[in-house]
Amino acid sequence: MKKILLVLFAYCQLPIAYTQAPPTWTSSDMYLAIRKLNVLGSILYVAAHPDDENTRLIAYFAKDRMLRTGYLSLTRGDGGQNLIGTEQGIELGLIRTQELLAARRIDGGEQFFTRAFDFGFSKSPEETFTKWDREKILSDVVWVIRKFQPDVIIYGFCYFSQ
C-alpha cells in the first residue's frame, strides 16, 4: 500500500516538476517593450508553409517599426522535403513548428497556425481543397484575424478561391 501511495504521490507531482519556465527578459527586450508602448498598429503576415514567410519583413515591422506583428502559417510543413534528416510527416511538422517558434523569438513576431495538413506541392486551389476542409481552414484564418485584429494583412503565396 505504501508503494502505491508513493507512486501516486510522485505521479501527482509531475506537472509541478516539469512545467515550463517563465520567459526571461533581457534589458534590450525590456527597452524595446517600453518603446513599443508609444506605437499603435499591427501587421499579420499570412502564408501557406513555414518557409514562405519573409522573416526580414517580420523583424522590420516588429523591431524597427515597433508594430505588433504576427505570422499565420496555414500548415506546419508536414508535407515538405527534409534533406538533413529522416523525419517526414508529423515528425517533420514538429521540427518546422519549433523552427518557426524559435524564429519568432528572434524577429519579435507572434506565431499562429491553422489545422491544415501539408500534403506537398499543389498546382491549384481546387486540388488543395480536395485535401483540406475549406470551411475549417477558412474558419481558422478568420479566428486568427479576429483574435489578432490586424490593421494590415500581407498575403504571401496564399490564395482562397470561391
N, C-alpha and C. Protein backbone atom coordinates (compact mmCIF):
# COMPACT_ATOMS: atom_id res chain seq x y z
N MET A 1 0.82 -1.19 0.00
CA MET A 1 0.00 0.00 0.00
C MET A 1 0.87 1.26 0.00
N LYS A 2 1.98 1.23 0.78
CA LYS A 2 2.87 2.38 0.84
C LYS A 2 3.48 2.66 -0.53
N LYS A 3 3.82 1.59 -1.28
CA LYS A 3 4.41 1.77 -2.61
C LYS A 3 3.42 2.43 -3.55
N ILE A 4 2.16 2.01 -3.48
CA ILE A 4 1.13 2.59 -4.35
C ILE A 4 0.94 4.06 -4.02
N LEU A 5 0.89 4.40 -2.76
CA LEU A 5 0.73 5.80 -2.36
C LEU A 5 1.94 6.63 -2.78
N LEU A 6 3.14 6.05 -2.64
CA LEU A 6 4.35 6.76 -3.04
C LEU A 6 4.35 7.02 -4.55
N VAL A 7 3.99 6.01 -5.35
CA VAL A 7 3.93 6.17 -6.80
C VAL A 7 2.85 7.18 -7.17
N LEU A 8 1.69 7.11 -6.55
CA LEU A 8 0.61 8.04 -6.81
C LEU A 8 1.03 9.46 -6.45
N PHE A 9 1.70 9.63 -5.31
CA PHE A 9 2.17 10.95 -4.91
C PHE A 9 3.19 11.50 -5.91
N ALA A 10 4.13 10.65 -6.33
CA ALA A 10 5.15 11.07 -7.30
C ALA A 10 4.50 11.44 -8.63
N TYR A 11 3.51 10.67 -9.05
CA TYR A 11 2.82 10.95 -10.31
C TYR A 11 2.07 12.27 -10.24
N CYS A 12 1.47 12.56 -9.12
CA CYS A 12 0.73 13.82 -8.96
C CYS A 12 1.67 15.02 -8.95
N GLN A 13 2.92 14.81 -8.61
CA GLN A 13 3.88 15.91 -8.55
C GLN A 13 4.51 16.22 -9.91
N LEU A 14 4.35 15.35 -10.90
CA LEU A 14 4.99 15.54 -12.21
C LEU A 14 4.65 16.87 -12.87
N PRO A 15 3.39 17.29 -12.94
CA PRO A 15 3.11 18.56 -13.61
C PRO A 15 3.81 19.75 -12.95
N ILE A 16 3.99 19.68 -11.67
CA ILE A 16 4.66 20.77 -10.97
C ILE A 16 6.15 20.74 -11.28
N ALA A 17 6.73 19.53 -11.31
CA ALA A 17 8.17 19.41 -11.51
C ALA A 17 8.60 19.72 -12.94
N TYR A 18 7.72 19.53 -13.91
CA TYR A 18 8.12 19.68 -15.31
C TYR A 18 7.35 20.77 -16.04
N THR A 19 6.99 21.81 -15.36
CA THR A 19 6.30 22.91 -16.02
C THR A 19 7.30 23.79 -16.76
N GLN A 20 6.80 24.57 -17.70
CA GLN A 20 7.65 25.43 -18.50
C GLN A 20 8.11 26.63 -17.68
N ALA A 21 9.38 26.96 -17.81
CA ALA A 21 9.93 28.09 -17.07
C ALA A 21 9.37 29.39 -17.63
N PRO A 22 9.17 30.39 -16.79
CA PRO A 22 8.69 31.68 -17.30
C PRO A 22 9.74 32.31 -18.20
N PRO A 23 9.30 33.10 -19.17
CA PRO A 23 10.28 33.72 -20.07
C PRO A 23 11.16 34.72 -19.32
N THR A 24 12.38 34.79 -19.75
CA THR A 24 13.30 35.77 -19.15
C THR A 24 13.45 36.94 -20.11
N TRP A 25 13.57 38.11 -19.56
CA TRP A 25 13.70 39.33 -20.35
C TRP A 25 15.10 39.89 -20.17
N THR A 26 15.72 40.23 -21.28
CA THR A 26 16.98 40.96 -21.22
C THR A 26 16.67 42.44 -21.13
N SER A 27 17.68 43.24 -20.85
CA SER A 27 17.45 44.68 -20.77
C SER A 27 17.02 45.23 -22.13
N SER A 28 17.54 44.67 -23.24
CA SER A 28 17.13 45.15 -24.56
C SER A 28 15.68 44.77 -24.86
N ASP A 29 15.23 43.58 -24.38
CA ASP A 29 13.83 43.21 -24.53
C ASP A 29 12.91 44.19 -23.80
N MET A 30 13.31 44.55 -22.60
CA MET A 30 12.51 45.50 -21.81
C MET A 30 12.48 46.87 -22.46
N TYR A 31 13.63 47.31 -22.97
CA TYR A 31 13.71 48.61 -23.62
C TYR A 31 12.81 48.65 -24.86
N LEU A 32 12.85 47.58 -25.67
CA LEU A 32 12.01 47.51 -26.86
C LEU A 32 10.53 47.51 -26.48
N ALA A 33 10.17 46.76 -25.44
CA ALA A 33 8.76 46.71 -24.99
C ALA A 33 8.29 48.09 -24.53
N ILE A 34 9.14 48.83 -23.85
CA ILE A 34 8.77 50.18 -23.41
C ILE A 34 8.59 51.10 -24.61
N ARG A 35 9.50 51.01 -25.59
CA ARG A 35 9.39 51.85 -26.79
C ARG A 35 8.12 51.52 -27.58
N LYS A 36 7.71 50.26 -27.57
CA LYS A 36 6.52 49.85 -28.32
C LYS A 36 5.23 50.41 -27.71
N LEU A 37 5.28 50.84 -26.47
CA LEU A 37 4.08 51.38 -25.82
C LEU A 37 3.56 52.62 -26.53
N ASN A 38 4.43 53.36 -27.19
CA ASN A 38 4.04 54.59 -27.88
C ASN A 38 3.64 54.37 -29.34
N VAL A 39 3.64 53.13 -29.80
CA VAL A 39 3.35 52.84 -31.21
C VAL A 39 2.09 51.99 -31.30
N LEU A 40 1.17 52.41 -32.15
CA LEU A 40 -0.05 51.65 -32.40
C LEU A 40 0.01 51.08 -33.81
N GLY A 41 -0.56 49.92 -33.99
CA GLY A 41 -0.61 49.32 -35.31
C GLY A 41 -0.22 47.86 -35.26
N SER A 42 -0.78 47.10 -36.20
CA SER A 42 -0.48 45.68 -36.23
C SER A 42 -0.50 45.17 -37.66
N ILE A 43 0.35 44.19 -37.91
CA ILE A 43 0.50 43.58 -39.23
C ILE A 43 0.38 42.07 -39.05
N LEU A 44 -0.39 41.43 -39.91
CA LEU A 44 -0.46 39.96 -39.92
C LEU A 44 0.01 39.48 -41.28
N TYR A 45 1.05 38.66 -41.27
CA TYR A 45 1.59 38.07 -42.49
C TYR A 45 1.01 36.66 -42.59
N VAL A 46 0.41 36.32 -43.73
CA VAL A 46 -0.24 35.02 -43.92
C VAL A 46 0.41 34.31 -45.10
N ALA A 47 0.82 33.07 -44.90
CA ALA A 47 1.39 32.27 -45.98
C ALA A 47 1.05 30.80 -45.75
N ALA A 48 1.31 29.98 -46.76
CA ALA A 48 0.87 28.59 -46.72
C ALA A 48 1.78 27.67 -45.92
N HIS A 49 3.08 27.90 -45.97
CA HIS A 49 4.04 26.96 -45.39
C HIS A 49 5.03 27.67 -44.48
N PRO A 50 5.70 26.91 -43.61
CA PRO A 50 6.67 27.52 -42.70
C PRO A 50 7.82 28.24 -43.38
N ASP A 51 8.18 27.88 -44.58
CA ASP A 51 9.31 28.57 -45.22
C ASP A 51 8.87 29.66 -46.19
N ASP A 52 7.60 30.03 -46.18
CA ASP A 52 7.09 31.05 -47.09
C ASP A 52 7.13 32.46 -46.52
N GLU A 53 7.40 32.60 -45.24
CA GLU A 53 7.39 33.93 -44.65
C GLU A 53 8.67 34.69 -44.97
N ASN A 54 8.56 36.00 -44.90
CA ASN A 54 9.71 36.87 -45.08
C ASN A 54 10.12 37.33 -43.68
N THR A 55 11.09 36.64 -43.09
CA THR A 55 11.47 36.94 -41.71
C THR A 55 12.09 38.32 -41.58
N ARG A 56 12.74 38.80 -42.62
CA ARG A 56 13.31 40.16 -42.57
C ARG A 56 12.20 41.19 -42.46
N LEU A 57 11.09 40.95 -43.19
CA LEU A 57 9.96 41.88 -43.13
C LEU A 57 9.29 41.82 -41.76
N ILE A 58 9.15 40.62 -41.21
CA ILE A 58 8.56 40.47 -39.88
C ILE A 58 9.42 41.19 -38.84
N ALA A 59 10.74 41.00 -38.91
CA ALA A 59 11.65 41.66 -37.98
C ALA A 59 11.61 43.18 -38.15
N TYR A 60 11.52 43.64 -39.40
CA TYR A 60 11.45 45.08 -39.66
C TYR A 60 10.22 45.70 -39.00
N PHE A 61 9.05 45.06 -39.22
CA PHE A 61 7.82 45.61 -38.63
C PHE A 61 7.85 45.52 -37.10
N ALA A 62 8.31 44.38 -36.57
CA ALA A 62 8.25 44.15 -35.12
C ALA A 62 9.31 44.93 -34.35
N LYS A 63 10.52 44.99 -34.89
CA LYS A 63 11.62 45.57 -34.10
C LYS A 63 12.02 46.97 -34.55
N ASP A 64 11.89 47.27 -35.83
CA ASP A 64 12.26 48.62 -36.29
C ASP A 64 11.06 49.56 -36.23
N ARG A 65 9.94 49.15 -36.82
CA ARG A 65 8.74 49.98 -36.81
C ARG A 65 7.94 49.82 -35.53
N MET A 66 8.28 48.80 -34.72
CA MET A 66 7.67 48.52 -33.41
C MET A 66 6.17 48.24 -33.48
N LEU A 67 5.73 47.66 -34.58
CA LEU A 67 4.34 47.28 -34.74
C LEU A 67 4.12 45.88 -34.20
N ARG A 68 2.94 45.62 -33.70
CA ARG A 68 2.59 44.25 -33.30
C ARG A 68 2.50 43.45 -34.59
N THR A 69 3.32 42.41 -34.71
CA THR A 69 3.45 41.67 -35.95
C THR A 69 3.22 40.19 -35.70
N GLY A 70 2.42 39.57 -36.56
CA GLY A 70 2.16 38.14 -36.44
C GLY A 70 2.36 37.43 -37.76
N TYR A 71 2.61 36.14 -37.68
CA TYR A 71 2.73 35.30 -38.87
C TYR A 71 1.80 34.11 -38.73
N LEU A 72 0.88 33.98 -39.68
CA LEU A 72 -0.03 32.85 -39.72
C LEU A 72 0.43 31.91 -40.82
N SER A 73 0.92 30.74 -40.44
CA SER A 73 1.29 29.71 -41.39
C SER A 73 0.11 28.75 -41.50
N LEU A 74 -0.43 28.58 -42.70
CA LEU A 74 -1.59 27.71 -42.85
C LEU A 74 -1.26 26.27 -42.49
N THR A 75 -0.02 25.83 -42.74
CA THR A 75 0.39 24.47 -42.40
C THR A 75 1.60 24.53 -41.48
N ARG A 76 2.00 23.36 -41.01
CA ARG A 76 3.20 23.25 -40.17
C ARG A 76 4.37 22.64 -40.94
N GLY A 77 4.22 22.45 -42.24
CA GLY A 77 5.32 21.93 -43.05
C GLY A 77 5.44 20.42 -43.03
N ASP A 78 4.36 19.73 -42.70
CA ASP A 78 4.38 18.27 -42.59
C ASP A 78 4.70 17.57 -43.91
N GLY A 79 4.33 18.17 -45.02
CA GLY A 79 4.48 17.53 -46.32
C GLY A 79 5.70 17.97 -47.09
N GLY A 80 6.57 18.71 -46.45
CA GLY A 80 7.74 19.23 -47.14
C GLY A 80 8.85 18.22 -47.27
N GLN A 81 9.94 18.66 -47.84
CA GLN A 81 11.11 17.82 -48.01
C GLN A 81 12.05 18.01 -46.83
N ASN A 82 12.82 16.97 -46.54
CA ASN A 82 13.77 17.02 -45.44
C ASN A 82 15.10 16.48 -45.95
N LEU A 83 16.03 17.38 -46.23
CA LEU A 83 17.32 16.98 -46.78
C LEU A 83 18.37 16.69 -45.71
N ILE A 84 18.09 17.01 -44.46
CA ILE A 84 19.11 16.81 -43.41
C ILE A 84 18.75 15.72 -42.41
N GLY A 85 17.60 15.08 -42.56
CA GLY A 85 17.21 14.03 -41.62
C GLY A 85 16.21 13.09 -42.26
N THR A 86 15.78 12.12 -41.47
CA THR A 86 14.84 11.12 -41.97
C THR A 86 13.40 11.43 -41.60
N GLU A 87 13.16 12.49 -40.82
CA GLU A 87 11.81 12.81 -40.37
C GLU A 87 10.94 13.23 -41.54
N GLN A 88 9.74 12.70 -41.58
CA GLN A 88 8.74 13.05 -42.58
C GLN A 88 7.39 13.14 -41.89
N GLY A 89 6.43 13.76 -42.53
CA GLY A 89 5.07 13.82 -41.99
C GLY A 89 4.99 14.60 -40.70
N ILE A 90 4.35 14.01 -39.70
CA ILE A 90 4.11 14.69 -38.43
C ILE A 90 5.42 15.08 -37.75
N GLU A 91 6.42 14.19 -37.79
CA GLU A 91 7.71 14.49 -37.16
C GLU A 91 8.35 15.72 -37.80
N LEU A 92 8.29 15.82 -39.12
CA LEU A 92 8.83 16.99 -39.82
C LEU A 92 8.03 18.24 -39.45
N GLY A 93 6.71 18.09 -39.33
CA GLY A 93 5.88 19.21 -38.91
C GLY A 93 6.25 19.72 -37.52
N LEU A 94 6.59 18.80 -36.61
CA LEU A 94 7.02 19.20 -35.27
C LEU A 94 8.33 19.99 -35.32
N ILE A 95 9.26 19.52 -36.15
CA ILE A 95 10.54 20.23 -36.29
C ILE A 95 10.31 21.63 -36.84
N ARG A 96 9.52 21.72 -37.90
CA ARG A 96 9.28 23.03 -38.52
C ARG A 96 8.49 23.96 -37.61
N THR A 97 7.58 23.40 -36.82
CA THR A 97 6.85 24.21 -35.85
C THR A 97 7.83 24.84 -34.86
N GLN A 98 8.75 24.04 -34.35
CA GLN A 98 9.73 24.55 -33.40
C GLN A 98 10.65 25.58 -34.06
N GLU A 99 10.98 25.38 -35.33
CA GLU A 99 11.79 26.36 -36.05
C GLU A 99 11.07 27.70 -36.15
N LEU A 100 9.76 27.64 -36.45
CA LEU A 100 9.00 28.89 -36.55
C LEU A 100 8.90 29.59 -35.20
N LEU A 101 8.65 28.83 -34.14
CA LEU A 101 8.57 29.44 -32.81
C LEU A 101 9.90 30.07 -32.42
N ALA A 102 11.01 29.41 -32.76
CA ALA A 102 12.33 29.98 -32.47
C ALA A 102 12.57 31.24 -33.30
N ALA A 103 12.14 31.24 -34.56
CA ALA A 103 12.31 32.42 -35.41
C ALA A 103 11.52 33.61 -34.85
N ARG A 104 10.31 33.36 -34.34
CA ARG A 104 9.52 34.45 -33.78
C ARG A 104 10.16 35.00 -32.51
N ARG A 105 10.85 34.16 -31.74
CA ARG A 105 11.56 34.67 -30.56
C ARG A 105 12.68 35.62 -30.98
N ILE A 106 13.24 35.40 -32.15
CA ILE A 106 14.33 36.25 -32.63
C ILE A 106 13.79 37.51 -33.31
N ASP A 107 12.80 37.34 -34.22
CA ASP A 107 12.34 38.50 -35.01
C ASP A 107 11.25 39.31 -34.32
N GLY A 108 10.71 38.83 -33.19
CA GLY A 108 9.75 39.61 -32.42
C GLY A 108 8.30 39.46 -32.84
N GLY A 109 8.01 38.57 -33.78
CA GLY A 109 6.64 38.35 -34.22
C GLY A 109 5.92 37.34 -33.35
N GLU A 110 4.61 37.24 -33.56
CA GLU A 110 3.79 36.23 -32.89
C GLU A 110 3.45 35.17 -33.93
N GLN A 111 3.39 33.90 -33.51
CA GLN A 111 3.19 32.79 -34.44
C GLN A 111 1.79 32.20 -34.28
N PHE A 112 1.13 31.95 -35.44
CA PHE A 112 -0.18 31.31 -35.47
C PHE A 112 -0.17 30.20 -36.52
N PHE A 113 -1.05 29.20 -36.34
CA PHE A 113 -1.19 28.10 -37.28
C PHE A 113 -2.67 27.80 -37.51
N THR A 114 -2.97 27.10 -38.60
CA THR A 114 -4.30 26.53 -38.81
C THR A 114 -4.19 25.03 -38.65
N ARG A 115 -5.31 24.34 -38.83
CA ARG A 115 -5.33 22.88 -38.74
C ARG A 115 -4.98 22.19 -40.05
N ALA A 116 -4.57 22.94 -41.05
CA ALA A 116 -4.28 22.36 -42.37
C ALA A 116 -3.05 21.46 -42.32
N PHE A 117 -3.17 20.29 -42.93
CA PHE A 117 -2.05 19.36 -43.04
C PHE A 117 -1.38 19.57 -44.38
N ASP A 118 -0.07 19.75 -44.35
CA ASP A 118 0.69 19.99 -45.58
C ASP A 118 0.85 18.66 -46.31
N PHE A 119 0.40 18.62 -47.55
CA PHE A 119 0.47 17.37 -48.32
C PHE A 119 1.47 17.47 -49.46
N GLY A 120 2.26 18.52 -49.50
CA GLY A 120 3.25 18.70 -50.56
C GLY A 120 2.82 19.79 -51.52
N PHE A 121 3.48 19.85 -52.66
CA PHE A 121 3.24 20.91 -53.64
C PHE A 121 1.87 20.73 -54.30
N SER A 122 1.14 21.83 -54.42
CA SER A 122 -0.16 21.82 -55.07
C SER A 122 -0.13 22.73 -56.28
N LYS A 123 -0.78 22.30 -57.34
CA LYS A 123 -0.79 23.08 -58.57
C LYS A 123 -1.97 24.04 -58.67
N SER A 124 -2.99 23.85 -57.82
CA SER A 124 -4.16 24.72 -57.93
C SER A 124 -4.93 24.73 -56.61
N PRO A 125 -5.72 25.78 -56.41
CA PRO A 125 -6.58 25.82 -55.22
C PRO A 125 -7.59 24.68 -55.22
N GLU A 126 -8.08 24.31 -56.39
CA GLU A 126 -9.06 23.22 -56.46
C GLU A 126 -8.47 21.93 -55.91
N GLU A 127 -7.21 21.64 -56.28
CA GLU A 127 -6.55 20.44 -55.77
C GLU A 127 -6.37 20.53 -54.26
N THR A 128 -5.99 21.69 -53.78
CA THR A 128 -5.79 21.88 -52.34
C THR A 128 -7.07 21.59 -51.58
N PHE A 129 -8.19 22.10 -52.07
CA PHE A 129 -9.44 21.94 -51.32
C PHE A 129 -10.06 20.56 -51.50
N THR A 130 -9.46 19.69 -52.32
CA THR A 130 -9.87 18.28 -52.30
C THR A 130 -9.23 17.57 -51.12
N LYS A 131 -8.15 18.15 -50.57
CA LYS A 131 -7.45 17.54 -49.44
C LYS A 131 -7.75 18.25 -48.12
N TRP A 132 -8.07 19.53 -48.17
CA TRP A 132 -8.40 20.30 -46.97
C TRP A 132 -9.90 20.52 -46.89
N ASP A 133 -10.40 20.60 -45.68
CA ASP A 133 -11.77 21.04 -45.47
C ASP A 133 -11.74 22.57 -45.52
N ARG A 134 -12.18 23.12 -46.64
CA ARG A 134 -12.08 24.56 -46.87
C ARG A 134 -12.70 25.38 -45.74
N GLU A 135 -13.85 24.96 -45.26
CA GLU A 135 -14.54 25.72 -44.21
C GLU A 135 -13.77 25.71 -42.90
N LYS A 136 -13.15 24.58 -42.54
CA LYS A 136 -12.37 24.52 -41.30
C LYS A 136 -11.15 25.43 -41.37
N ILE A 137 -10.44 25.37 -42.49
CA ILE A 137 -9.23 26.17 -42.62
C ILE A 137 -9.59 27.66 -42.68
N LEU A 138 -10.63 27.98 -43.43
CA LEU A 138 -11.07 29.36 -43.51
C LEU A 138 -11.52 29.87 -42.14
N SER A 139 -12.20 29.02 -41.37
CA SER A 139 -12.63 29.44 -40.03
C SER A 139 -11.43 29.66 -39.11
N ASP A 140 -10.36 28.86 -39.29
CA ASP A 140 -9.14 29.09 -38.51
C ASP A 140 -8.53 30.45 -38.85
N VAL A 141 -8.49 30.77 -40.14
CA VAL A 141 -7.92 32.05 -40.57
C VAL A 141 -8.76 33.21 -40.01
N VAL A 142 -10.07 33.09 -40.11
CA VAL A 142 -10.96 34.13 -39.58
C VAL A 142 -10.78 34.27 -38.08
N TRP A 143 -10.63 33.15 -37.37
CA TRP A 143 -10.44 33.20 -35.92
C TRP A 143 -9.16 33.96 -35.57
N VAL A 144 -8.05 33.69 -36.29
CA VAL A 144 -6.79 34.38 -36.02
C VAL A 144 -6.93 35.87 -36.31
N ILE A 145 -7.58 36.20 -37.42
CA ILE A 145 -7.77 37.61 -37.76
C ILE A 145 -8.60 38.32 -36.69
N ARG A 146 -9.64 37.69 -36.22
CA ARG A 146 -10.47 38.31 -35.18
C ARG A 146 -9.73 38.41 -33.85
N LYS A 147 -8.91 37.43 -33.54
CA LYS A 147 -8.15 37.44 -32.28
C LYS A 147 -7.02 38.46 -32.34
N PHE A 148 -6.28 38.49 -33.44
CA PHE A 148 -5.12 39.36 -33.58
C PHE A 148 -5.52 40.79 -33.93
N GLN A 149 -6.60 40.96 -34.67
CA GLN A 149 -7.13 42.25 -35.11
C GLN A 149 -6.07 43.11 -35.81
N PRO A 150 -5.55 42.60 -36.94
CA PRO A 150 -4.50 43.37 -37.63
C PRO A 150 -5.06 44.59 -38.35
N ASP A 151 -4.23 45.62 -38.45
CA ASP A 151 -4.58 46.78 -39.26
C ASP A 151 -4.28 46.51 -40.73
N VAL A 152 -3.25 45.70 -40.97
CA VAL A 152 -2.84 45.35 -42.33
C VAL A 152 -2.60 43.85 -42.39
N ILE A 153 -3.05 43.22 -43.47
CA ILE A 153 -2.78 41.79 -43.70
C ILE A 153 -1.95 41.68 -44.97
N ILE A 154 -0.84 40.95 -44.88
CA ILE A 154 0.03 40.71 -46.02
C ILE A 154 -0.08 39.23 -46.37
N TYR A 155 -0.42 38.93 -47.61
CA TYR A 155 -0.51 37.54 -48.06
C TYR A 155 0.72 37.19 -48.86
N GLY A 156 1.34 36.09 -48.51
CA GLY A 156 2.47 35.59 -49.27
C GLY A 156 2.18 34.16 -49.73
N PHE A 157 2.05 33.93 -51.01
CA PHE A 157 1.82 32.60 -51.57
C PHE A 157 0.51 31.98 -51.11
N CYS A 158 -0.52 32.76 -50.83
CA CYS A 158 -1.82 32.23 -50.42
C CYS A 158 -2.88 32.62 -51.44
N TYR A 159 -3.87 31.76 -51.56
CA TYR A 159 -4.96 32.07 -52.45
C TYR A 159 -6.21 31.34 -51.98
N PHE A 160 -7.27 32.06 -51.68
CA PHE A 160 -8.54 31.46 -51.33
C PHE A 160 -9.52 31.72 -52.46
N SER A 161 -9.95 30.66 -53.12
CA SER A 161 -10.89 30.83 -54.24
C SER A 161 -12.31 30.67 -53.74
N GLN A 162 -13.23 31.12 -54.53
CA GLN A 162 -14.64 30.97 -54.18
C GLN A 162 -15.03 29.59 -54.46
